[in-house]
PDB file of N, CA and C in Angstrom:
ATOM      1  N   UNK A   1      52.294 237.237 -71.124  1.00  0.00           N
ATOM      2  CA  UNK A   1      51.116 237.566 -70.882  1.00  0.00           C
ATOM      3  C   UNK A   1      51.195 239.524 -71.578  1.00  0.00           C
ATOM      4  N   UNK A   2      49.908 239.739 -71.976  1.00  0.00           N
ATOM      5  CA  UNK A   2      49.647 240.847 -72.436  1.00  0.00           C
ATOM      6  C   UNK A   2      48.519 241.755 -71.543  1.00  0.00           C
ATOM      7  N   UNK A   3      49.117 242.761 -70.725  1.00  0.00           N
ATOM      8  CA  UNK A   3      47.596 243.788 -70.576  1.00  0.00           C
ATOM      9  C   UNK A   3      47.058 243.509 -71.393  1.00  0.00           C
ATOM     10  N   UNK A   4      44.889 243.740 -70.530  1.00  0.00           N
ATOM     11  CA  UNK A   4      44.271 244.082 -71.243  1.00  0.00           C
ATOM     12  C   UNK A   4      43.894 242.568 -72.692  1.00  0.00           C
ATOM     13  N   UNK A   5      44.876 241.887 -72.624  1.00  0.00           N
ATOM     14  CA  UNK A   5      44.075 240.947 -73.819  1.00  0.00           C
ATOM     15  C   UNK A   5      42.991 239.328 -72.550  1.00  0.00           C
ATOM     16  N   UNK A   6      42.079 239.040 -73.130  1.00  0.00           N
ATOM     17  CA  UNK A   6      41.557 237.768 -72.993  1.00  0.00           C
ATOM     18  C   UNK A   6      42.468 236.792 -72.578  1.00  0.00           C
ATOM     19  N   UNK A   7      42.445 236.401 -71.328  1.00  0.00           N
ATOM     20  CA  UNK A   7      43.669 235.085 -70.643  1.00  0.00           C
ATOM     21  C   UNK A   7      42.758 234.120 -70.853  1.00  0.00           C
ATOM     22  N   UNK A   8      41.257 234.551 -70.061  1.00  0.00           N
ATOM     23  CA  UNK A   8      40.956 233.120 -69.529  1.00  0.00           C
ATOM     24  C   UNK A   8      39.593 232.940 -69.599  1.00  0.00           C
ATOM     25  N   UNK A   9      38.877 231.935 -69.756  1.00  0.00           N
ATOM     26  CA  UNK A   9      37.045 232.002 -69.675  1.00  0.00           C
ATOM     27  C   UNK A   9      36.851 231.018 -68.433  1.00  0.00           C
ATOM     28  N   UNK A  10      35.805 231.401 -67.336  1.00  0.00           N
ATOM     29  CA  UNK A  10      35.310 230.573 -66.376  1.00  0.00           C
ATOM     30  C   UNK A  10      34.045 230.683 -66.575  1.00  0.00           C
ATOM     31  N   UNK A  11      33.534 229.123 -66.364  1.00  0.00           N
ATOM     32  CA  UNK A  11      32.292 228.662 -66.614  1.00  0.00           C
ATOM     33  C   UNK A  11      31.920 228.593 -65.326  1.00  0.00           C
ATOM     34  N   UNK A  12      30.148 228.042 -65.056  1.00  0.00           N
ATOM     35  CA  UNK A  12      29.842 227.484 -63.269  1.00  0.00           C
ATOM     36  C   UNK A  12      29.272 226.498 -63.703  1.00  0.00           C
ATOM     37  N   UNK A  13      29.385 225.380 -63.016  1.00  0.00           N
ATOM     38  CA  UNK A  13      28.813 224.381 -63.100  1.00  0.00           C
ATOM     39  C   UNK A  13      28.621 223.424 -62.098  1.00  0.00           C
ATOM     40  N   UNK A  14      27.005 223.008 -61.380  1.00  0.00           N
ATOM     41  CA  UNK A  14      26.915 222.466 -59.776  1.00  0.00           C
ATOM     42  C   UNK A  14      27.669 221.048 -59.943  1.00  0.00           C
ATOM     43  N   UNK A  15      28.100 220.326 -61.444  1.00  0.00           N
ATOM     44  CA  UNK A  15      28.176 218.729 -61.309  1.00  0.00           C
ATOM     45  C   UNK A  15      29.560 218.984 -61.943  1.00  0.00           C
ATOM     46  N   UNK A  16      30.910 218.980 -60.900  1.00  0.00           N
ATOM     47  CA  UNK A  16      32.093 219.260 -61.925  1.00  0.00           C
ATOM     48  C   UNK A  16      32.852 218.278 -62.446  1.00  0.00           C
ATOM     49  N   UNK A  17      32.070 216.429 -61.896  1.00  0.00           N
ATOM     50  CA  UNK A  17      32.651 215.430 -62.326  1.00  0.00           C
ATOM     51  C   UNK A  17      32.107 214.991 -63.808  1.00  0.00           C
ATOM     52  N   UNK A  18      30.799 215.653 -63.857  1.00  0.00           N
ATOM     53  CA  UNK A  18      29.874 215.763 -65.165  1.00  0.00           C
ATOM     54  C   UNK A  18      29.770 216.249 -66.327  1.00  0.00           C
ATOM     55  N   UNK A  19      30.573 217.638 -65.579  1.00  0.00           N
ATOM     56  CA  UNK A  19      30.998 218.438 -66.576  1.00  0.00           C
ATOM     57  C   UNK A  19      32.604 218.382 -67.330  1.00  0.00           C
ATOM     58  N   UNK A  20      33.319 217.626 -66.715  1.00  0.00           N
ATOM     59  CA  UNK A  20      34.937 217.107 -66.998  1.00  0.00           C
ATOM     60  C   UNK A  20      34.394 216.023 -67.801  1.00  0.00           C
ATOM     61  N   UNK A  21      33.547 214.983 -67.491  1.00  0.00           N
ATOM     62  CA  UNK A  21      33.210 214.051 -68.808  1.00  0.00           C
ATOM     63  C   UNK A  21      33.170 214.160 -69.755  1.00  0.00           C
ATOM     64  N   UNK A  22      31.735 214.975 -70.086  1.00  0.00           N
ATOM     65  CA  UNK A  22      31.320 215.250 -71.120  1.00  0.00           C
ATOM     66  C   UNK A  22      32.088 216.490 -71.851  1.00  0.00           C
ATOM     67  N   UNK A  23      33.500 217.213 -71.681  1.00  0.00           N
ATOM     68  CA  UNK A  23      33.974 217.974 -72.586  1.00  0.00           C
ATOM     69  C   UNK A  23      35.353 217.383 -72.946  1.00  0.00           C
ATOM     70  N   UNK A  24      35.312 216.532 -71.991  1.00  0.00           N
ATOM     71  CA  UNK A  24      36.489 215.743 -72.093  1.00  0.00           C
ATOM     72  C   UNK A  24      36.572 214.382 -73.340  1.00  0.00           C
ATOM     73  N   UNK A  25      35.603 213.674 -72.864  1.00  0.00           N
ATOM     74  CA  UNK A  25      34.664 212.580 -73.985  1.00  0.00           C
ATOM     75  C   UNK A  25      34.355 213.379 -75.353  1.00  0.00           C
ATOM     76  N   UNK A  26      33.661 214.646 -75.253  1.00  0.00           N
ATOM     77  CA  UNK A  26      33.294 215.313 -76.759  1.00  0.00           C
ATOM     78  C   UNK A  26      34.669 216.190 -77.503  1.00  0.00           C
ATOM     79  N   UNK A  27      35.489 216.867 -76.705  1.00  0.00           N
ATOM     80  CA  UNK A  27      36.231 217.327 -77.151  1.00  0.00           C
ATOM     81  C   UNK A  27      37.691 217.296 -77.209  1.00  0.00           C
ATOM     82  N   UNK A  28      38.002 216.453 -76.045  1.00  0.00           N
ATOM     83  CA  UNK A  28      39.483 215.760 -75.744  1.00  0.00           C
ATOM     84  C   UNK A  28      39.708 216.348 -74.559  1.00  0.00           C
ATOM     85  N   UNK A  29      39.433 217.798 -74.131  1.00  0.00           N
ATOM     86  CA  UNK A  29      39.993 218.450 -72.641  1.00  0.00           C
ATOM     87  C   UNK A  29      40.822 217.832 -71.779  1.00  0.00           C
ATOM     88  N   UNK A  30      41.894 218.603 -71.446  1.00  0.00           N
ATOM     89  CA  UNK A  30      42.400 218.005 -70.044  1.00  0.00           C
ATOM     90  C   UNK A  30      42.216 218.690 -69.037  1.00  0.00           C
ATOM     91  N   UNK A  31      41.854 218.271 -67.724  1.00  0.00           N
ATOM     92  CA  UNK A  31      41.326 219.018 -66.338  1.00  0.00           C
ATOM     93  C   UNK A  31      42.330 219.223 -65.486  1.00  0.00           C
ATOM     94  N   UNK A  32      42.408 219.547 -64.421  1.00  0.00           N
ATOM     95  CA  UNK A  32      43.268 220.181 -63.592  1.00  0.00           C
ATOM     96  C   UNK A  32      42.158 220.110 -62.226  1.00  0.00           C
ATOM     97  N   UNK A  33      42.377 219.503 -61.190  1.00  0.00           N
ATOM     98  CA  UNK A  33      41.425 219.747 -59.672  1.00  0.00           C
ATOM     99  C   UNK A  33      41.922 220.602 -58.731  1.00  0.00           C
ATOM    100  N   UNK A  34      40.896 221.677 -58.417  1.00  0.00           N
ATOM    101  CA  UNK A  34      42.056 222.601 -57.554  1.00  0.00           C
ATOM    102  C   UNK A  34      40.771 223.042 -56.410  1.00  0.00           C
ATOM    103  N   UNK A  35      40.607 221.399 -55.739  1.00  0.00           N
ATOM    104  CA  UNK A  35      39.891 221.687 -54.440  1.00  0.00           C
ATOM    105  C   UNK A  35      39.001 220.949 -55.255  1.00  0.00           C
ATOM    106  N   UNK A  36      37.311 221.028 -54.553  1.00  0.00           N
ATOM    107  CA  UNK A  36      36.119 220.495 -54.209  1.00  0.00           C
ATOM    108  C   UNK A  36      35.442 221.097 -55.334  1.00  0.00           C
ATOM    109  N   UNK A  37      35.800 222.705 -55.575  1.00  0.00           N
ATOM    110  CA  UNK A  37      34.512 223.440 -56.410  1.00  0.00           C
ATOM    111  C   UNK A  37      35.292 224.005 -57.178  1.00  0.00           C
ATOM    112  N   UNK A  38      36.716 223.566 -57.990  1.00  0.00           N
ATOM    113  CA  UNK A  38      37.087 224.568 -59.115  1.00  0.00           C
ATOM    114  C   UNK A  38      38.373 223.749 -60.138  1.00  0.00           C
ATOM    115  N   UNK A  39      37.383 223.312 -61.300  1.00  0.00           N
ATOM    116  CA  UNK A  39      38.856 222.664 -61.799  1.00  0.00           C
ATOM    117  C   UNK A  39      38.833 223.278 -63.236  1.00  0.00           C
ATOM    118  N   UNK A  40      39.946 223.136 -63.785  1.00  0.00           N
ATOM    119  CA  UNK A  40      40.534 224.194 -64.873  1.00  0.00           C
ATOM    120  C   UNK A  40      40.731 223.267 -65.919  1.00  0.00           C
ATOM    121  N   UNK A  41      40.771 223.650 -67.196  1.00  0.00           N
ATOM    122  CA  UNK A  41      40.600 223.150 -68.492  1.00  0.00           C
ATOM    123  C   UNK A  41      41.643 223.555 -69.485  1.00  0.00           C
ATOM    124  N   UNK A  42      42.737 222.596 -70.551  1.00  0.00           N
ATOM    125  CA  UNK A  42      43.345 223.135 -71.208  1.00  0.00           C
ATOM    126  C   UNK A  42      42.700 222.757 -72.811  1.00  0.00           C
ATOM    127  N   UNK A  43      43.107 222.702 -73.905  1.00  0.00           N
ATOM    128  CA  UNK A  43      42.622 222.263 -74.719  1.00  0.00           C
ATOM    129  C   UNK A  43      41.958 222.350 -75.609  1.00  0.00           C
ATOM    130  N   UNK A  44      41.014 223.936 -75.371  1.00  0.00           N
ATOM    131  CA  UNK A  44      40.252 224.340 -75.814  1.00  0.00           C
ATOM    132  C   UNK A  44      40.365 225.313 -76.768  1.00  0.00           C
ATOM    133  N   UNK A  45      41.651 225.809 -77.124  1.00  0.00           N
ATOM    134  CA  UNK A  45      42.424 226.932 -77.920  1.00  0.00           C
ATOM    135  C   UNK A  45      42.686 227.891 -76.410  1.00  0.00           C
ATOM    136  N   UNK A  46      41.451 228.276 -75.904  1.00  0.00           N
ATOM    137  CA  UNK A  46      41.911 229.222 -74.632  1.00  0.00           C
ATOM    138  C   UNK A  46      41.893 228.867 -73.023  1.00  0.00           C
ATOM    139  N   UNK A  47      42.492 228.290 -71.867  1.00  0.00           N
ATOM    140  CA  UNK A  47      42.589 228.403 -71.103  1.00  0.00           C
ATOM    141  C   UNK A  47      41.280 228.762 -69.946  1.00  0.00           C
ATOM    142  N   UNK A  48      40.388 228.074 -69.404  1.00  0.00           N
ATOM    143  CA  UNK A  48      39.636 228.109 -68.842  1.00  0.00           C
ATOM    144  C   UNK A  48      39.194 227.516 -67.235  1.00  0.00           C
ATOM    145  N   UNK A  49      38.309 227.289 -66.861  1.00  0.00           N
ATOM    146  CA  UNK A  49      38.059 226.765 -65.747  1.00  0.00           C
ATOM    147  C   UNK A  49      36.034 226.576 -65.277  1.00  0.00           C
ATOM    148  N   UNK A  50      36.425 226.045 -64.634  1.00  0.00           N
ATOM    149  CA  UNK A  50      34.478 225.504 -64.149  1.00  0.00           C
ATOM    150  C   UNK A  50      34.563 225.969 -62.635  1.00  0.00           C
ATOM    151  N   UNK A  51      33.565 226.735 -62.461  1.00  0.00           N
ATOM    152  CA  UNK A  51      33.412 226.688 -60.899  1.00  0.00           C
ATOM    153  C   UNK A  51      32.410 226.065 -60.204  1.00  0.00           C
ATOM    154  N   UNK A  52      32.498 225.189 -59.289  1.00  0.00           N
ATOM    155  CA  UNK A  52      30.629 224.883 -58.908  1.00  0.00           C
ATOM    156  C   UNK A  52      30.385 225.334 -58.049  1.00  0.00           C
ATOM    157  N   UNK A  53      29.390 225.277 -58.634  1.00  0.00           N
ATOM    158  CA  UNK A  53      27.646 226.628 -57.861  1.00  0.00           C
ATOM    159  C   UNK A  53      26.567 225.793 -57.606  1.00  0.00           C
ATOM    160  N   UNK A  54      25.383 226.051 -57.059  1.00  0.00           N
ATOM    161  CA  UNK A  54      24.591 225.627 -56.619  1.00  0.00           C
ATOM    162  C   UNK A  54      23.294 226.545 -57.178  1.00  0.00           C
ATOM    163  N   UNK A  55      23.634 227.583 -57.436  1.00  0.00           N
ATOM    164  CA  UNK A  55      23.046 228.849 -57.995  1.00  0.00           C
ATOM    165  C   UNK A  55      22.475 228.503 -59.408  1.00  0.00           C
ATOM    166  N   UNK A  56      21.536 229.065 -59.948  1.00  0.00           N
ATOM    167  CA  UNK A  56      21.353 228.746 -61.247  1.00  0.00           C
ATOM    168  C   UNK A  56      22.600 229.591 -62.317  1.00  0.00           C
ATOM    169  N   UNK A  57      22.525 228.726 -63.353  1.00  0.00           N
ATOM    170  CA  UNK A  57      23.246 229.529 -64.336  1.00  0.00           C
ATOM    171  C   UNK A  57      22.664 230.347 -64.667  1.00  0.00           C
ATOM    172  N   UNK A  58      23.058 231.801 -64.749  1.00  0.00           N
ATOM    173  CA  UNK A  58      22.119 232.520 -65.707  1.00  0.00           C
ATOM    174  C   UNK A  58      23.173 233.617 -66.676  1.00  0.00           C
ATOM    175  N   UNK A  59      24.759 233.634 -66.368  1.00  0.00           N
ATOM    176  CA  UNK A  59      25.668 234.324 -67.524  1.00  0.00           C
ATOM    177  C   UNK A  59      26.602 233.101 -67.759  1.00  0.00           C
ATOM    178  N   UNK A  60      26.300 232.321 -67.588  1.00  0.00           N
ATOM    179  CA  UNK A  60      27.215 230.903 -68.007  1.00  0.00           C
ATOM    180  C   UNK A  60      28.762 231.169 -68.033  1.00  0.00           C
ATOM    181  N   UNK A  61      29.106 232.242 -68.723  1.00  0.00           N
ATOM    182  CA  UNK A  61      31.055 232.380 -68.978  1.00  0.00           C
ATOM    183  C   UNK A  61      31.059 234.002 -68.059  1.00  0.00           C
ATOM    184  N   UNK A  62      32.647 233.757 -67.549  1.00  0.00           N
ATOM    185  CA  UNK A  62      32.916 234.881 -67.143  1.00  0.00           C
ATOM    186  C   UNK A  62      34.476 235.017 -67.809  1.00  0.00           C
ATOM    187  N   UNK A  63      34.555 235.932 -68.585  1.00  0.00           N
ATOM    188  CA  UNK A  63      35.864 236.212 -69.470  1.00  0.00           C
ATOM    189  C   UNK A  63      36.562 237.364 -68.295  1.00  0.00           C
ATOM    190  N   UNK A  64      37.688 236.493 -68.632  1.00  0.00           N
ATOM    191  CA  UNK A  64      39.045 236.817 -67.671  1.00  0.00           C
ATOM    192  C   UNK A  64      39.650 237.751 -68.436  1.00  0.00           C
ATOM    193  N   UNK A  65      40.276 239.296 -68.153  1.00  0.00           N
ATOM    194  CA  UNK A  65      41.635 239.501 -68.679  1.00  0.00           C
ATOM    195  C   UNK A  65      42.442 239.274 -67.727  1.00  0.00           C
ATOM    196  N   UNK A  66      43.857 239.509 -68.097  1.00  0.00           N
ATOM    197  CA  UNK A  66      44.806 240.134 -67.501  1.00  0.00           C
ATOM    198  C   UNK A  66      45.455 241.032 -67.621  1.00  0.00           C
ATOM    199  N   UNK A  67      45.964 241.695 -66.654  1.00  0.00           N
ATOM    200  CA  UNK A  67      46.681 243.277 -66.344  1.00  0.00           C
ATOM    201  C   UNK A  67      47.951 242.928 -65.264  1.00  0.00           C
ATOM    202  N   UNK A  68      48.650 243.255 -65.267  1.00  0.00           N
ATOM    203  CA  UNK A  68      49.712 243.288 -64.205  1.00  0.00           C
ATOM    204  C   UNK A  68      49.669 244.214 -63.110  1.00  0.00           C
ATOM    205  N   UNK A  69      48.759 245.900 -62.950  1.00  0.00           N
ATOM    206  CA  UNK A  69      48.700 246.209 -62.091  1.00  0.00           C
ATOM    207  C   UNK A  69      47.002 246.511 -61.725  1.00  0.00           C
ATOM    208  N   UNK A  70      46.468 245.473 -60.788  1.00  0.00           N
ATOM    209  CA  UNK A  70      45.347 245.331 -60.748  1.00  0.00           C
ATOM    210  C   UNK A  70      44.721 246.708 -59.928  1.00  0.00           C
ATOM    211  N   UNK A  71      44.928 247.464 -58.886  1.00  0.00           N
ATOM    212  CA  UNK A  71      44.878 248.152 -58.299  1.00  0.00           C
ATOM    213  C   UNK A  71      44.665 249.192 -59.281  1.00  0.00           C
ATOM    214  N   UNK A  72      45.699 249.774 -60.066  1.00  0.00           N
ATOM    215  CA  UNK A  72      45.372 250.950 -61.122  1.00  0.00           C
ATOM    216  C   UNK A  72      44.313 250.758 -62.353  1.00  0.00           C
ATOM    217  N   UNK A  73      44.273 249.274 -62.822  1.00  0.00           N
ATOM    218  CA  UNK A  73      43.640 249.137 -63.643  1.00  0.00           C
ATOM    219  C   UNK A  73      41.651 249.121 -62.909  1.00  0.00           C
ATOM    220  N   UNK A  74      41.785 248.920 -61.911  1.00  0.00           N
ATOM    221  CA  UNK A  74      40.252 248.855 -61.139  1.00  0.00           C
ATOM    222  C   UNK A  74      39.846 249.833 -60.862  1.00  0.00           C
ATOM    223  N   UNK A  75      40.451 251.229 -60.791  1.00  0.00           N
ATOM    224  CA  UNK A  75      40.395 252.623 -60.532  1.00  0.00           C
ATOM    225  C   UNK A  75      39.659 253.221 -61.884  1.00  0.00           C
ATOM    226  N   UNK A  76      40.733 252.765 -62.893  1.00  0.00           N
ATOM    227  CA  UNK A  76      40.702 253.215 -64.309  1.00  0.00           C
ATOM    228  C   UNK A  76      39.324 252.592 -65.044  1.00  0.00           C
ATOM    229  N   UNK A  77      38.613 251.817 -64.123  1.00  0.00           N
ATOM    230  CA  UNK A  77      37.090 251.015 -64.523  1.00  0.00           C
ATOM    231  C   UNK A  77      36.690 251.193 -64.134  1.00  0.00           C
ATOM    232  N   UNK A  78      36.691 252.172 -62.669  1.00  0.00           N
ATOM    233  CA  UNK A  78      35.181 252.715 -62.293  1.00  0.00           C
ATOM    234  C   UNK A  78      35.338 253.885 -62.710  1.00  0.00           C
ATOM    235  N   UNK A  79      36.676 254.757 -62.714  1.00  0.00           N
ATOM    236  CA  UNK A  79      36.807 256.007 -63.671  1.00  0.00           C
ATOM    237  C   UNK A  79      35.957 256.328 -64.970  1.00  0.00           C
ATOM    238  N   UNK A  80      35.839 255.012 -65.312  1.00  0.00           N
ATOM    239  CA  UNK A  80      35.312 254.991 -67.083  1.00  0.00           C
ATOM    240  C   UNK A  80      33.809 254.597 -66.653  1.00  0.00           C
ATOM    241  N   UNK A  81      33.042 254.639 -65.755  1.00  0.00           N
ATOM    242  CA  UNK A  81      31.877 254.030 -65.412  1.00  0.00           C
ATOM    243  C   UNK A  81      31.622 252.341 -65.197  1.00  0.00           C
ATOM    244  N   UNK A  82      32.505 251.969 -65.364  1.00  0.00           N
ATOM    245  CA  UNK A  82      32.365 250.458 -64.558  1.00  0.00           C
ATOM    246  C   UNK A  82      31.904 250.353 -63.145  1.00  0.00           C
ATOM    247  N   UNK A  83      31.332 248.834 -62.787  1.00  0.00           N
ATOM    248  CA  UNK A  83      30.947 249.170 -61.577  1.00  0.00           C
ATOM    249  C   UNK A  83      31.860 247.666 -61.048  1.00  0.00           C
ATOM    250  N   UNK A  84      32.546 248.289 -59.546  1.00  0.00           N
ATOM    251  CA  UNK A  84      33.196 247.043 -59.394  1.00  0.00           C
ATOM    252  C   UNK A  84      32.123 246.225 -58.671  1.00  0.00           C
ATOM    253  N   UNK A  85      32.014 244.547 -58.544  1.00  0.00           N
ATOM    254  CA  UNK A  85      30.868 243.847 -57.792  1.00  0.00           C
ATOM    255  C   UNK A  85      32.045 243.015 -57.021  1.00  0.00           C
ATOM    256  N   UNK A  86      33.254 242.569 -57.360  1.00  0.00           N
ATOM    257  CA  UNK A  86      33.819 241.174 -56.888  1.00  0.00           C
ATOM    258  C   UNK A  86      35.616 242.679 -56.319  1.00  0.00           C
ATOM    259  N   UNK A  87      35.827 242.964 -54.954  1.00  0.00           N
ATOM    260  CA  UNK A  87      37.188 244.006 -54.836  1.00  0.00           C
ATOM    261  C   UNK A  87      37.860 242.623 -55.010  1.00  0.00           C
ATOM    262  N   UNK A  88      39.302 242.912 -54.991  1.00  0.00           N
ATOM    263  CA  UNK A  88      40.584 242.274 -55.632  1.00  0.00           C
ATOM    264  C   UNK A  88      39.968 240.802 -54.353  1.00  0.00           C
ATOM    265  N   UNK A  89      40.774 240.074 -54.569  1.00  0.00           N
ATOM    266  CA  UNK A  89      40.896 238.648 -53.765  1.00  0.00           C
ATOM    267  C   UNK A  89      41.901 238.002 -54.364  1.00  0.00           C
ATOM    268  N   UNK A  90      42.494 236.829 -53.590  1.00  0.00           N
ATOM    269  CA  UNK A  90      43.622 236.419 -53.879  1.00  0.00           C
ATOM    270  C   UNK A  90      42.783 234.819 -53.913  1.00  0.00           C
ATOM    271  N   UNK A  91      43.604 234.221 -55.043  1.00  0.00           N
ATOM    272  CA  UNK A  91      43.138 232.900 -54.991  1.00  0.00           C
ATOM    273  C   UNK A  91      44.726 231.875 -55.546  1.00  0.00           C
ATOM    274  N   UNK A  92      44.388 230.408 -55.107  1.00  0.00           N
ATOM    275  CA  UNK A  92      45.918 230.304 -55.709  1.00  0.00           C
ATOM    276  C   UNK A  92      46.547 230.570 -57.132  1.00  0.00           C
ATOM    277  N   UNK A  93      47.425 230.792 -57.262  1.00  0.00           N
ATOM    278  CA  UNK A  93      48.266 232.019 -58.344  1.00  0.00           C
ATOM    279  C   UNK A  93      48.047 232.890 -58.829  1.00  0.00           C
ATOM    280  N   UNK A  94      47.370 234.174 -58.004  1.00  0.00           N
ATOM    281  CA  UNK A  94      47.366 235.016 -58.251  1.00  0.00           C
ATOM    282  C   UNK A  94      46.135 235.933 -57.631  1.00  0.00           C
ATOM    283  N   UNK A  95      45.972 237.034 -58.106  1.00  0.00           N
ATOM    284  CA  UNK A  95      44.736 237.944 -57.276  1.00  0.00           C
ATOM    285  C   UNK A  95      43.998 238.167 -58.499  1.00  0.00           C
ATOM    286  N   UNK A  96      42.577 238.506 -58.296  1.00  0.00           N
ATOM    287  CA  UNK A  96      42.149 238.963 -59.804  1.00  0.00           C
ATOM    288  C   UNK A  96      40.076 240.000 -58.638  1.00  0.00           C
ATOM    289  N   UNK A  97      39.615 240.329 -59.110  1.00  0.00           N
ATOM    290  CA  UNK A  97      38.795 241.092 -59.437  1.00  0.00           C
ATOM    291  C   UNK A  97      37.420 241.224 -60.452  1.00  0.00           C
ATOM    292  N   UNK A  98      36.429 241.605 -60.043  1.00  0.00           N
ATOM    293  CA  UNK A  98      35.273 241.437 -60.605  1.00  0.00           C
ATOM    294  C   UNK A  98      34.851 242.763 -61.364  1.00  0.00           C
ATOM    295  N   UNK A  99      34.264 243.012 -62.525  1.00  0.00           N
ATOM    296  CA  UNK A  99      33.286 244.408 -62.862  1.00  0.00           C
ATOM    297  C   UNK A  99      32.196 244.052 -63.439  1.00  0.00           C
ATOM    298  N   UNK A 100      31.462 244.780 -63.583  1.00  0.00           N
ATOM    299  CA  UNK A 100      30.152 245.099 -64.667  1.00  0.00           C
ATOM    300  C   UNK A 100      30.759 246.342 -65.855  1.00  0.00           C
ATOM    301  N   UNK A 101      30.335 245.920 -67.240  1.00  0.00           N
ATOM    302  CA  UNK A 101      30.753 246.883 -67.626  1.00  0.00           C
ATOM    303  C   UNK A 101      29.465 247.904 -68.100  1.00  0.00           C
ATOM    304  N   UNK A 102      29.037 249.162 -68.595  1.00  0.00           N
ATOM    305  CA  UNK A 102      28.213 249.510 -68.339  1.00  0.00           C
ATOM    306  C   UNK A 102      26.550 249.659 -69.000  1.00  0.00           C
ATOM    307  N   UNK A 103      27.401 247.816 -69.950  1.00  0.00           N
ATOM    308  CA  UNK A 103      25.665 247.361 -70.500  1.00  0.00           C
ATOM    309  C   UNK A 103      25.857 246.253 -69.516  1.00  0.00           C
ATOM    310  N   UNK A 104      26.578 245.894 -68.046  1.00  0.00           N
ATOM    311  CA  UNK A 104      25.925 245.010 -67.155  1.00  0.00           C
ATOM    312  C   UNK A 104      26.794 243.695 -67.349  1.00  0.00           C
ATOM    313  N   UNK A 105      28.095 243.457 -68.699  1.00  0.00           N
ATOM    314  CA  UNK A 105      28.228 242.543 -68.529  1.00  0.00           C
ATOM    315  C   UNK A 105      29.212 242.243 -67.077  1.00  0.00           C
ATOM    316  N   UNK A 106      29.945 241.181 -66.480  1.00  0.00           N
ATOM    317  CA  UNK A 106      30.582 240.673 -65.795  1.00  0.00           C
ATOM    318  C   UNK A 106      31.995 240.196 -66.325  1.00  0.00           C
ATOM    319  N   UNK A 107      32.902 240.727 -65.778  1.00  0.00           N
ATOM    320  CA  UNK A 107      34.583 240.699 -66.082  1.00  0.00           C
ATOM    321  C   UNK A 107      34.675 240.172 -65.670  1.00  0.00           C
ATOM    322  N   UNK A 108      36.090 239.722 -65.397  1.00  0.00           N
ATOM    323  CA  UNK A 108      37.252 239.881 -63.918  1.00  0.00           C
ATOM    324  C   UNK A 108      38.321 239.771 -64.929  1.00  0.00           C
ATOM    325  N   UNK A 109      39.251 240.531 -63.826  1.00  0.00           N
ATOM    326  CA  UNK A 109      41.033 240.947 -64.343  1.00  0.00           C
ATOM    327  C   UNK A 109      41.685 240.103 -63.446  1.00  0.00           C
ATOM    328  N   UNK A 110      43.163 239.487 -63.748  1.00  0.00           N
ATOM    329  CA  UNK A 110      44.052 238.667 -62.874  1.00  0.00           C
ATOM    330  C   UNK A 110      45.257 239.365 -63.001  1.00  0.00           C
ATOM    331  N   UNK A 111      46.507 239.013 -62.088  1.00  0.00           N
ATOM    332  CA  UNK A 111      47.429 239.032 -62.034  1.00  0.00           C
ATOM    333  C   UNK A 111      47.937 238.357 -61.253  1.00  0.00           C
ATOM    334  N   UNK A 112      48.842 237.605 -61.648  1.00  0.00           N
ATOM    335  CA  UNK A 112      49.805 236.775 -60.518  1.00  0.00           C
ATOM    336  C   UNK A 112      50.716 237.648 -60.017  1.00  0.00           C
ATOM    337  N   UNK A 113      50.400 238.629 -60.032  1.00  0.00           N
ATOM    338  CA  UNK A 113      51.250 239.167 -58.661  1.00  0.00           C
ATOM    339  C   UNK A 113      50.113 240.020 -57.386  1.00  0.00           C
TER     340      UNK A 113
END
C-alpha cells in the first residue's frame, strides 16, 4: 500500500441484503459480512464497503485514503485547513479518522497499525 493513495470507497445503505443482491446480480461483485451493519465488496476495480444507516443518504460515497502514520497526517490535515469530523478510532483490521477538506468533502484515512 502507498501513502496518500485512494485505497477504499465506502457507501451507505439502509438495506444491506438488498444492496448485495443488486450489485452481485448486475456486476458480479462479491461480499463479506462484518456483522449486521457492514459489508465489504470486491470485484469492482477498487475495494469498498457498505455501512448500514437509517439516516438519509446525502453524500453517498466516502473515499478512504491509506497512510501509515495516522497521527502525523491528522495534524498535517488540520494545519492545512482541514477539519476533523471523527477522531482516530479502531475497527476490525485497523484504525481510521474522518476529515472535511476546505470544500466540505468528507474523506477518511486508514491504517492497519
